[in-house]
Amino acid sequence: GRLAAACHPAPVWTLLISDVPGDDPVNIASGPTVADPSTCADALA
C-alpha cells in the first residue's frame, strides 16, 4: 500500500492480472496499491 499512499491525494485506479492462489490483491506483486492487514510480526514468524 505504500505506493498508493505516496500518490495521495490523487485517486489510484489499479488494474490487476492475478497470478496468485485466491486472487487476493495484497499478494499480487506484494500489493503496492492496496492496504495490507499483515504485520511485521507475521513476516518475522
All heavy atoms as atom14 arrays in JSON, in Angstrom:
{
  "sequence": "GRLAAACHPAPVWTLLISDVPGDDPVNIASGPTVADPSTCADALA",
  "atom14_mask": [
    [1, 1, 1, 1, 0, 0, 0, 0, 0, 0, 0, 0, 0, 0],
    [1, 1, 1, 1, 1, 1, 1, 1, 1, 1, 1, 0, 0, 0],
    [1, 1, 1, 1, 1, 1, 1, 1, 0, 0, 0, 0, 0, 0],
    [1, 1, 1, 1, 1, 0, 0, 0, 0, 0, 0, 0, 0, 0],
    [1, 1, 1, 1, 1, 0, 0, 0, 0, 0, 0, 0, 0, 0],
    [1, 1, 1, 1, 1, 0, 0, 0, 0, 0, 0, 0, 0, 0],
    [1, 1, 1, 1, 1, 1, 0, 0, 0, 0, 0, 0, 0, 0],
    [1, 1, 1, 1, 1, 1, 1, 1, 1, 1, 0, 0, 0, 0],
    [1, 1, 1, 1, 1, 1, 1, 0, 0, 0, 0, 0, 0, 0],
    [1, 1, 1, 1, 1, 0, 0, 0, 0, 0, 0, 0, 0, 0],
    [1, 1, 1, 1, 1, 1, 1, 0, 0, 0, 0, 0, 0, 0],
    [1, 1, 1, 1, 1, 1, 1, 0, 0, 0, 0, 0, 0, 0],
    [1, 1, 1, 1, 1, 1, 1, 1, 1, 1, 1, 1, 1, 1],
    [1, 1, 1, 1, 1, 1, 1, 0, 0, 0, 0, 0, 0, 0],
    [1, 1, 1, 1, 1, 1, 1, 1, 0, 0, 0, 0, 0, 0],
    [1, 1, 1, 1, 1, 1, 1, 1, 0, 0, 0, 0, 0, 0],
    [1, 1, 1, 1, 1, 1, 1, 1, 0, 0, 0, 0, 0, 0],
    [1, 1, 1, 1, 1, 1, 0, 0, 0, 0, 0, 0, 0, 0],
    [1, 1, 1, 1, 1, 1, 1, 1, 0, 0, 0, 0, 0, 0],
    [1, 1, 1, 1, 1, 1, 1, 0, 0, 0, 0, 0, 0, 0],
    [1, 1, 1, 1, 1, 1, 1, 0, 0, 0, 0, 0, 0, 0],
    [1, 1, 1, 1, 0, 0, 0, 0, 0, 0, 0, 0, 0, 0],
    [1, 1, 1, 1, 1, 1, 1, 1, 0, 0, 0, 0, 0, 0],
    [1, 1, 1, 1, 1, 1, 1, 1, 0, 0, 0, 0, 0, 0],
    [1, 1, 1, 1, 1, 1, 1, 0, 0, 0, 0, 0, 0, 0],
    [1, 1, 1, 1, 1, 1, 1, 0, 0, 0, 0, 0, 0, 0],
    [1, 1, 1, 1, 1, 1, 1, 1, 0, 0, 0, 0, 0, 0],
    [1, 1, 1, 1, 1, 1, 1, 1, 0, 0, 0, 0, 0, 0],
    [1, 1, 1, 1, 1, 0, 0, 0, 0, 0, 0, 0, 0, 0],
    [1, 1, 1, 1, 1, 1, 0, 0, 0, 0, 0, 0, 0, 0],
    [1, 1, 1, 1, 0, 0, 0, 0, 0, 0, 0, 0, 0, 0],
    [1, 1, 1, 1, 1, 1, 1, 0, 0, 0, 0, 0, 0, 0],
    [1, 1, 1, 1, 1, 1, 1, 0, 0, 0, 0, 0, 0, 0],
    [1, 1, 1, 1, 1, 1, 1, 0, 0, 0, 0, 0, 0, 0],
    [1, 1, 1, 1, 1, 0, 0, 0, 0, 0, 0, 0, 0, 0],
    [1, 1, 1, 1, 1, 1, 1, 1, 0, 0, 0, 0, 0, 0],
    [1, 1, 1, 1, 1, 1, 1, 0, 0, 0, 0, 0, 0, 0],
    [1, 1, 1, 1, 1, 1, 0, 0, 0, 0, 0, 0, 0, 0],
    [1, 1, 1, 1, 1, 1, 1, 0, 0, 0, 0, 0, 0, 0],
    [1, 1, 1, 1, 1, 1, 0, 0, 0, 0, 0, 0, 0, 0],
    [1, 1, 1, 1, 1, 0, 0, 0, 0, 0, 0, 0, 0, 0],
    [1, 1, 1, 1, 1, 1, 1, 1, 0, 0, 0, 0, 0, 0],
    [1, 1, 1, 1, 1, 0, 0, 0, 0, 0, 0, 0, 0, 0],
    [1, 1, 1, 1, 1, 1, 1, 1, 0, 0, 0, 0, 0, 0],
    [1, 1, 1, 1, 1, 0, 0, 0, 0, 0, 0, 0, 0, 0]
  ],
  "atom14_positions": [
    [[0.78, -1.24, 0.0], [0.0, 0.0, 0.0], [0.8, 1.28, 0.0], [0.24, 2.38, -0.14], [0.0, 0.0, 0.0], [0.0, 0.0, 0.0], [0.0, 0.0, 0.0], [0.0, 0.0, 0.0], [0.0, 0.0, 0.0], [0.0, 0.0, 0.0], [0.0, 0.0, 0.0], [0.0, 0.0, 0.0], [0.0, 0.0, 0.0], [0.0, 0.0, 0.0]],
    [[2.11, 1.19, 0.13], [2.91, 2.41, 0.26], [2.94, 3.23, -1.03], [3.0, 4.46, -0.99], [4.34, 2.06, 0.68], [4.45, 1.48, 2.09], [5.92, 1.15, 2.38], [6.11, 0.53, 3.68], [6.0, -0.77, 3.92], [5.67, -1.59, 2.92], [6.21, -1.27, 5.12], [0.0, 0.0, 0.0], [0.0, 0.0, 0.0], [0.0, 0.0, 0.0]],
    [[2.9, 2.55, -2.18], [2.94, 3.3, -3.44], [1.65, 4.1, -3.62], [1.69, 5.26, -4.04], [3.14, 2.33, -4.61], [3.34, 2.99, -5.98], [4.49, 3.98, -5.95], [3.57, 1.93, -7.05], [0.0, 0.0, 0.0], [0.0, 0.0, 0.0], [0.0, 0.0, 0.0], [0.0, 0.0, 0.0], [0.0, 0.0, 0.0], [0.0, 0.0, 0.0]],
    [[0.5, 3.52, -3.28], [-0.75, 4.26, -3.37], [-0.77, 5.43, -2.39], [-1.25, 6.52, -2.72], [-1.94, 3.33, -3.1], [0.0, 0.0, 0.0], [0.0, 0.0, 0.0], [0.0, 0.0, 0.0], [0.0, 0.0, 0.0], [0.0, 0.0, 0.0], [0.0, 0.0, 0.0], [0.0, 0.0, 0.0], [0.0, 0.0, 0.0], [0.0, 0.0, 0.0]],
    [[-0.25, 5.2, -1.19], [-0.19, 6.28, -0.19], [0.65, 7.44, -0.7], [0.35, 8.61, -0.43], [0.36, 5.74, 1.12], [0.0, 0.0, 0.0], [0.0, 0.0, 0.0], [0.0, 0.0, 0.0], [0.0, 0.0, 0.0], [0.0, 0.0, 0.0], [0.0, 0.0, 0.0], [0.0, 0.0, 0.0], [0.0, 0.0, 0.0], [0.0, 0.0, 0.0]],
    [[1.71, 7.12, -1.46], [2.58, 8.18, -2.0], [1.88, 9.0, -3.07], [2.28, 10.13, -3.35], [3.85, 7.54, -2.57], [0.0, 0.0, 0.0], [0.0, 0.0, 0.0], [0.0, 0.0, 0.0], [0.0, 0.0, 0.0], [0.0, 0.0, 0.0], [0.0, 0.0, 0.0], [0.0, 0.0, 0.0], [0.0, 0.0, 0.0], [0.0, 0.0, 0.0]],
    [[0.83, 8.45, -3.68], [0.08, 9.17, -4.72], [-0.93, 10.15, -4.13], [-1.42, 11.04, -4.84], [-0.66, 8.18, -5.61], [0.4, 7.03, -6.52], [0.0, 0.0, 0.0], [0.0, 0.0, 0.0], [0.0, 0.0, 0.0], [0.0, 0.0, 0.0], [0.0, 0.0, 0.0], [0.0, 0.0, 0.0], [0.0, 0.0, 0.0], [0.0, 0.0, 0.0]],
    [[-1.31, 9.97, -2.88], [-2.32, 10.82, -2.23], [-1.95, 12.31, -2.38], [-0.78, 12.67, -2.25], [-2.39, 10.45, -0.74], [-3.44, 11.2, 0.01], [-4.78, 10.92, -0.08], [-3.33, 12.25, 0.87], [-5.45, 11.74, 0.69], [-4.6, 12.56, 1.28], [0.0, 0.0, 0.0], [0.0, 0.0, 0.0], [0.0, 0.0, 0.0], [0.0, 0.0, 0.0]],
    [[-2.92, 13.19, -2.7], [-4.38, 12.99, -2.71], [-4.96, 12.52, -4.04], [-6.19, 12.46, -4.17], [-4.9, 14.39, -2.36], [-3.89, 15.3, -3.02], [-2.56, 14.61, -2.84], [0.0, 0.0, 0.0], [0.0, 0.0, 0.0], [0.0, 0.0, 0.0], [0.0, 0.0, 0.0], [0.0, 0.0, 0.0], [0.0, 0.0, 0.0], [0.0, 0.0, 0.0]],
    [[-4.12, 12.2, -5.01], [-4.65, 11.71, -6.29], [-5.26, 10.32, -6.09], [-4.68, 9.47, -5.42], [-3.54, 11.64, -7.33], [0.0, 0.0, 0.0], [0.0, 0.0, 0.0], [0.0, 0.0, 0.0], [0.0, 0.0, 0.0], [0.0, 0.0, 0.0], [0.0, 0.0, 0.0], [0.0, 0.0, 0.0], [0.0, 0.0, 0.0], [0.0, 0.0, 0.0]],
    [[-6.43, 10.05, -6.66], [-7.0, 8.71, -6.59], [-6.18, 7.73, -7.44], [-5.57, 8.13, -8.44], [-8.41, 8.88, -7.16], [-8.32, 10.1, -8.02], [-7.29, 10.99, -7.4], [0.0, 0.0, 0.0], [0.0, 0.0, 0.0], [0.0, 0.0, 0.0], [0.0, 0.0, 0.0], [0.0, 0.0, 0.0], [0.0, 0.0, 0.0], [0.0, 0.0, 0.0]],
    [[-6.16, 6.48, -7.02], [-5.41, 5.44, -7.73], [-6.4, 4.39, -8.22], [-7.18, 3.84, -7.43], [-4.35, 4.79, -6.82], [-3.61, 3.69, -7.57], [-3.38, 5.84, -6.3], [0.0, 0.0, 0.0], [0.0, 0.0, 0.0], [0.0, 0.0, 0.0], [0.0, 0.0, 0.0], [0.0, 0.0, 0.0], [0.0, 0.0, 0.0], [0.0, 0.0, 0.0]],
    [[-6.36, 4.12, -9.51], [-7.21, 3.09, -10.13], [-6.3, 1.94, -10.53], [-5.53, 2.03, -11.47], [-7.91, 3.68, -11.36], [-8.98, 2.81, -11.95], [-8.81, 1.77, -12.81], [-10.39, 2.93, -11.76], [-10.01, 1.22, -13.16], [-11.02, 1.91, -12.53], [-11.2, 3.79, -11.02], [-12.4, 1.75, -12.58], [-12.58, 3.62, -11.06], [-13.17, 2.61, -11.83]],
    [[-6.35, 0.85, -9.78], [-5.45, -0.28, -10.0], [-6.13, -1.35, -10.84], [-7.23, -1.81, -10.52], [-5.0, -0.89, -8.67], [-4.32, 0.11, -7.91], [-4.06, -2.06, -8.9], [0.0, 0.0, 0.0], [0.0, 0.0, 0.0], [0.0, 0.0, 0.0], [0.0, 0.0, 0.0], [0.0, 0.0, 0.0], [0.0, 0.0, 0.0], [0.0, 0.0, 0.0]],
    [[-5.46, -1.75, -11.91], [-5.91, -2.85, -12.75], [-4.94, -4.01, -12.55], [-3.73, -3.87, -12.75], [-5.95, -2.43, -14.22], [-6.89, -1.26, -14.53], [-6.81, -0.89, -16.01], [-8.33, -1.6, -14.14], [0.0, 0.0, 0.0], [0.0, 0.0, 0.0], [0.0, 0.0, 0.0], [0.0, 0.0, 0.0], [0.0, 0.0, 0.0], [0.0, 0.0, 0.0]],
    [[-5.47, -5.16, -12.13], [-4.65, -6.3, -11.74], [-4.84, -7.48, -12.68], [-5.97, -7.78, -13.09], [-5.04, -6.77, -10.33], [-4.85, -5.82, -9.16], [-5.51, -6.42, -7.92], [-3.38, -5.58, -8.9], [0.0, 0.0, 0.0], [0.0, 0.0, 0.0], [0.0, 0.0, 0.0], [0.0, 0.0, 0.0], [0.0, 0.0, 0.0], [0.0, 0.0, 0.0]],
    [[-3.76, -8.17, -12.98], [-3.82, -9.51, -13.55], [-3.29, -10.44, -12.46], [-2.14, -10.34, -12.05], [-3.01, -9.64, -14.84], [-3.67, -8.82, -15.96], [-2.88, -11.09, -15.26], [-2.97, -8.91, -17.3], [0.0, 0.0, 0.0], [0.0, 0.0, 0.0], [0.0, 0.0, 0.0], [0.0, 0.0, 0.0], [0.0, 0.0, 0.0], [0.0, 0.0, 0.0]],
    [[-4.15, -11.32, -11.98], [-3.79, -12.14, -10.84], [-2.96, -13.35, -11.24], [-3.3, -14.08, -12.18], [-5.05, -12.63, -10.11], [-4.69, -13.55, -9.09], [0.0, 0.0, 0.0], [0.0, 0.0, 0.0], [0.0, 0.0, 0.0], [0.0, 0.0, 0.0], [0.0, 0.0, 0.0], [0.0, 0.0, 0.0], [0.0, 0.0, 0.0], [0.0, 0.0, 0.0]],
    [[-1.89, -13.56, -10.49], [-1.08, -14.77, -10.66], [-0.96, -15.53, -9.34], [-0.06, -16.35, -9.18], [0.32, -14.41, -11.17], [1.16, -13.73, -10.11], [0.6, -12.96, -9.3], [2.38, -13.98, -10.07], [0.0, 0.0, 0.0], [0.0, 0.0, 0.0], [0.0, 0.0, 0.0], [0.0, 0.0, 0.0], [0.0, 0.0, 0.0], [0.0, 0.0, 0.0]],
    [[-1.85, -15.25, -8.39], [-1.71, -15.86, -7.06], [-2.94, -16.67, -6.7], [-4.07, -16.31, -7.08], [-1.45, -14.79, -5.97], [-0.16, -14.04, -6.25], [-2.62, -13.83, -5.84], [0.0, 0.0, 0.0], [0.0, 0.0, 0.0], [0.0, 0.0, 0.0], [0.0, 0.0, 0.0], [0.0, 0.0, 0.0], [0.0, 0.0, 0.0], [0.0, 0.0, 0.0]],
    [[-2.78, -17.75, -5.96], [-3.93, -18.52, -5.49], [-4.85, -17.65, -4.64], [-4.42, -16.94, -3.73], [-3.28, -19.62, -4.63], [-1.89, -19.77, -5.18], [-1.5, -18.38, -5.59], [0.0, 0.0, 0.0], [0.0, 0.0, 0.0], [0.0, 0.0, 0.0], [0.0, 0.0, 0.0], [0.0, 0.0, 0.0], [0.0, 0.0, 0.0], [0.0, 0.0, 0.0]],
    [[-6.13, -17.66, -4.97], [-7.1, -16.88, -4.23], [-7.33, -15.47, -4.75], [-8.28, -14.8, -4.36], [0.0, 0.0, 0.0], [0.0, 0.0, 0.0], [0.0, 0.0, 0.0], [0.0, 0.0, 0.0], [0.0, 0.0, 0.0], [0.0, 0.0, 0.0], [0.0, 0.0, 0.0], [0.0, 0.0, 0.0], [0.0, 0.0, 0.0], [0.0, 0.0, 0.0]],
    [[-6.43, -15.0, -5.64], [-6.56, -13.68, -6.29], [-6.62, -12.51, -5.31], [-7.19, -11.46, -5.62], [-7.82, -13.64, -7.18], [-7.86, -14.75, -8.2], [-6.78, -15.15, -8.68], [-8.96, -15.24, -8.52], [0.0, 0.0, 0.0], [0.0, 0.0, 0.0], [0.0, 0.0, 0.0], [0.0, 0.0, 0.0], [0.0, 0.0, 0.0], [0.0, 0.0, 0.0]],
    [[-6.04, -12.64, -4.12], [-6.04, -11.55, -3.15], [-5.11, -10.44, -3.66], [-3.91, -10.67, -3.84], [-5.56, -12.05, -1.79], [-5.71, -11.02, -0.68], [-5.85, -9.82, -0.98], [-5.67, -11.41, 0.5], [0.0, 0.0, 0.0], [0.0, 0.0, 0.0], [0.0, 0.0, 0.0], [0.0, 0.0, 0.0], [0.0, 0.0, 0.0], [0.0, 0.0, 0.0]],
    [[-5.63, -9.22, -3.87], [-4.8, -8.13, -4.4], [-3.54, -7.85, -3.59], [-2.53, -7.4, -4.14], [-5.74, -6.93, -4.4], [-7.1, -7.53, -4.52], [-7.04, -8.81, -3.73], [0.0, 0.0, 0.0], [0.0, 0.0, 0.0], [0.0, 0.0, 0.0], [0.0, 0.0, 0.0], [0.0, 0.0, 0.0], [0.0, 0.0, 0.0], [0.0, 0.0, 0.0]],
    [[-3.57, -8.11, -2.29], [-2.4, -7.8, -1.47], [-1.23, -8.74, -1.79], [-0.07, -8.42, -1.49], [-2.76, -7.87, 0.03], [-2.78, -9.31, 0.54], [-1.79, -7.03, 0.87], [0.0, 0.0, 0.0], [0.0, 0.0, 0.0], [0.0, 0.0, 0.0], [0.0, 0.0, 0.0], [0.0, 0.0, 0.0], [0.0, 0.0, 0.0], [0.0, 0.0, 0.0]],
    [[-1.52, -9.86, -2.44], [-0.46, -10.8, -2.79], [-0.01, -10.69, -4.24], [0.96, -11.35, -4.63], [-0.92, -12.23, -2.51], [-0.84, -12.58, -1.04], [0.07, -12.14, -0.34], [-1.8, -13.35, -0.56], [0.0, 0.0, 0.0], [0.0, 0.0, 0.0], [0.0, 0.0, 0.0], [0.0, 0.0, 0.0], [0.0, 0.0, 0.0], [0.0, 0.0, 0.0]],
    [[-0.69, -9.91, -5.05], [-0.28, -9.72, -6.44], [0.78, -8.62, -6.47], [0.5, -7.47, -6.15], [-1.49, -9.35, -7.31], [-2.57, -10.43, -7.21], [-1.05, -9.16, -8.77], [-3.9, -10.04, -7.83], [0.0, 0.0, 0.0], [0.0, 0.0, 0.0], [0.0, 0.0, 0.0], [0.0, 0.0, 0.0], [0.0, 0.0, 0.0], [0.0, 0.0, 0.0]],
    [[2.02, -9.0, -6.81], [3.15, -8.06, -6.79], [3.34, -7.44, -5.4], [3.83, -6.33, -5.26], [2.99, -6.97, -7.84], [0.0, 0.0, 0.0], [0.0, 0.0, 0.0], [0.0, 0.0, 0.0], [0.0, 0.0, 0.0], [0.0, 0.0, 0.0], [0.0, 0.0, 0.0], [0.0, 0.0, 0.0], [0.0, 0.0, 0.0], [0.0, 0.0, 0.0]],
    [[2.92, -8.17, -4.37], [3.05, -7.72, -2.97], [2.23, -6.47, -2.66], [2.57, -5.7, -1.76], [4.52, -7.51, -2.59], [5.26, -8.71, -2.74], [0.0, 0.0, 0.0], [0.0, 0.0, 0.0], [0.0, 0.0, 0.0], [0.0, 0.0, 0.0], [0.0, 0.0, 0.0], [0.0, 0.0, 0.0], [0.0, 0.0, 0.0], [0.0, 0.0, 0.0]],
    [[1.16, -6.26, -3.43], [0.17, -5.24, -3.09], [0.67, -3.82, -2.94], [0.42, -3.19, -1.91], [0.0, 0.0, 0.0], [0.0, 0.0, 0.0], [0.0, 0.0, 0.0], [0.0, 0.0, 0.0], [0.0, 0.0, 0.0], [0.0, 0.0, 0.0], [0.0, 0.0, 0.0], [0.0, 0.0, 0.0], [0.0, 0.0, 0.0], [0.0, 0.0, 0.0]],
    [[1.31, -3.22, -3.96], [1.82, -1.85, -3.79], [0.73, -0.79, -3.65], [1.0, 0.29, -3.12], [2.64, -1.62, -5.06], [2.07, -2.57, -6.07], [1.65, -3.78, -5.28], [0.0, 0.0, 0.0], [0.0, 0.0, 0.0], [0.0, 0.0, 0.0], [0.0, 0.0, 0.0], [0.0, 0.0, 0.0], [0.0, 0.0, 0.0], [0.0, 0.0, 0.0]],
    [[-0.48, -1.09, -4.1], [-1.53, -0.06, -4.08], [-2.74, -0.45, -3.24], [-3.8, 0.19, -3.34], [-1.99, 0.26, -5.51], [-2.53, -0.93, -6.11], [-0.84, 0.79, -6.35], [0.0, 0.0, 0.0], [0.0, 0.0, 0.0], [0.0, 0.0, 0.0], [0.0, 0.0, 0.0], [0.0, 0.0, 0.0], [0.0, 0.0, 0.0], [0.0, 0.0, 0.0]],
    [[-2.62, -1.48, -2.42], [-3.74, -1.91, -1.58], [-3.29, -2.03, -0.13], [-2.11, -2.27, 0.16], [-4.35, -3.24, -2.05], [-4.93, -3.08, -3.44], [-3.32, -4.36, -2.04], [0.0, 0.0, 0.0], [0.0, 0.0, 0.0], [0.0, 0.0, 0.0], [0.0, 0.0, 0.0], [0.0, 0.0, 0.0], [0.0, 0.0, 0.0], [0.0, 0.0, 0.0]],
    [[-4.24, -1.87, 0.79], [-3.93, -1.97, 2.21], [-3.52, -3.39, 2.58], [-3.98, -4.36, 1.98], [-5.14, -1.55, 3.03], [0.0, 0.0, 0.0], [0.0, 0.0, 0.0], [0.0, 0.0, 0.0], [0.0, 0.0, 0.0], [0.0, 0.0, 0.0], [0.0, 0.0, 0.0], [0.0, 0.0, 0.0], [0.0, 0.0, 0.0], [0.0, 0.0, 0.0]],
    [[-2.67, -3.48, 3.59], [-2.1, -4.77, 3.99], [-2.44, -5.07, 5.45], [-1.93, -4.39, 6.35], [-0.58, -4.73, 3.8], [0.11, -5.97, 4.35], [-0.53, -7.03, 4.4], [1.29, -5.86, 4.74], [0.0, 0.0, 0.0], [0.0, 0.0, 0.0], [0.0, 0.0, 0.0], [0.0, 0.0, 0.0], [0.0, 0.0, 0.0], [0.0, 0.0, 0.0]],
    [[-3.25, -6.08, 5.72], [-3.59, -6.4, 7.11], [-2.49, -7.15, 7.86], [-2.54, -7.26, 9.08], [-4.85, -7.26, 6.98], [-4.7, -7.92, 5.64], [-4.01, -6.9, 4.77], [0.0, 0.0, 0.0], [0.0, 0.0, 0.0], [0.0, 0.0, 0.0], [0.0, 0.0, 0.0], [0.0, 0.0, 0.0], [0.0, 0.0, 0.0], [0.0, 0.0, 0.0]],
    [[-1.5, -7.69, 7.16], [-0.43, -8.44, 7.84], [0.55, -7.49, 8.51], [0.58, -6.29, 8.24], [0.29, -9.35, 6.85], [1.08, -8.6, 5.93], [0.0, 0.0, 0.0], [0.0, 0.0, 0.0], [0.0, 0.0, 0.0], [0.0, 0.0, 0.0], [0.0, 0.0, 0.0], [0.0, 0.0, 0.0], [0.0, 0.0, 0.0], [0.0, 0.0, 0.0]],
    [[1.38, -8.04, 9.39], [2.26, -7.22, 10.22], [3.71, -7.65, 10.12], [4.02, -8.72, 9.59], [1.84, -7.32, 11.7], [2.05, -8.68, 12.13], [0.37, -6.95, 11.88], [0.0, 0.0, 0.0], [0.0, 0.0, 0.0], [0.0, 0.0, 0.0], [0.0, 0.0, 0.0], [0.0, 0.0, 0.0], [0.0, 0.0, 0.0], [0.0, 0.0, 0.0]],
    [[4.58, -6.83, 10.68], [5.99, -7.18, 10.77], [6.17, -8.48, 11.56], [7.03, -9.31, 11.24], [6.78, -6.07, 11.44], [7.13, -4.64, 10.38], [0.0, 0.0, 0.0], [0.0, 0.0, 0.0], [0.0, 0.0, 0.0], [0.0, 0.0, 0.0], [0.0, 0.0, 0.0], [0.0, 0.0, 0.0], [0.0, 0.0, 0.0], [0.0, 0.0, 0.0]],
    [[5.35, -8.65, 12.59], [5.42, -9.88, 13.39], [5.08, -11.1, 12.54], [5.7, -12.17, 12.69], [4.47, -9.78, 14.59], [0.0, 0.0, 0.0], [0.0, 0.0, 0.0], [0.0, 0.0, 0.0], [0.0, 0.0, 0.0], [0.0, 0.0, 0.0], [0.0, 0.0, 0.0], [0.0, 0.0, 0.0], [0.0, 0.0, 0.0], [0.0, 0.0, 0.0]],
    [[4.11, -10.96, 11.63], [3.78, -12.06, 10.72], [4.97, -12.4, 9.83], [5.29, -13.57, 9.6], [2.58, -11.69, 9.85], [1.3, -11.51, 10.64], [1.13, -12.19, 11.67], [0.47, -10.67, 10.24], [0.0, 0.0, 0.0], [0.0, 0.0, 0.0], [0.0, 0.0, 0.0], [0.0, 0.0, 0.0], [0.0, 0.0, 0.0], [0.0, 0.0, 0.0]],
    [[5.59, -11.36, 9.29], [6.75, -11.56, 8.43], [7.89, -12.23, 9.18], [8.56, -13.15, 8.66], [7.2, -10.23, 7.83], [0.0, 0.0, 0.0], [0.0, 0.0, 0.0], [0.0, 0.0, 0.0], [0.0, 0.0, 0.0], [0.0, 0.0, 0.0], [0.0, 0.0, 0.0], [0.0, 0.0, 0.0], [0.0, 0.0, 0.0], [0.0, 0.0, 0.0]],
    [[8.13, -11.79, 10.4], [9.21, -12.37, 11.2], [8.92, -13.84, 11.52], [9.84, -14.68, 11.51], [9.38, -11.57, 12.5], [10.61, -11.89, 13.34], [11.9, -11.67, 12.54], [10.62, -11.03, 14.6], [0.0, 0.0, 0.0], [0.0, 0.0, 0.0], [0.0, 0.0, 0.0], [0.0, 0.0, 0.0], [0.0, 0.0, 0.0], [0.0, 0.0, 0.0]],
    [[7.66, -14.17, 11.76], [7.29, -15.56, 12.03], [7.58, -16.46, 10.83], [8.0, -17.61, 10.99], [5.81, -15.63, 12.41], [0.0, 0.0, 0.0], [0.0, 0.0, 0.0], [0.0, 0.0, 0.0], [0.0, 0.0, 0.0], [0.0, 0.0, 0.0], [0.0, 0.0, 0.0], [0.0, 0.0, 0.0], [0.0, 0.0, 0.0], [0.0, 0.0, 0.0]]
  ]
}
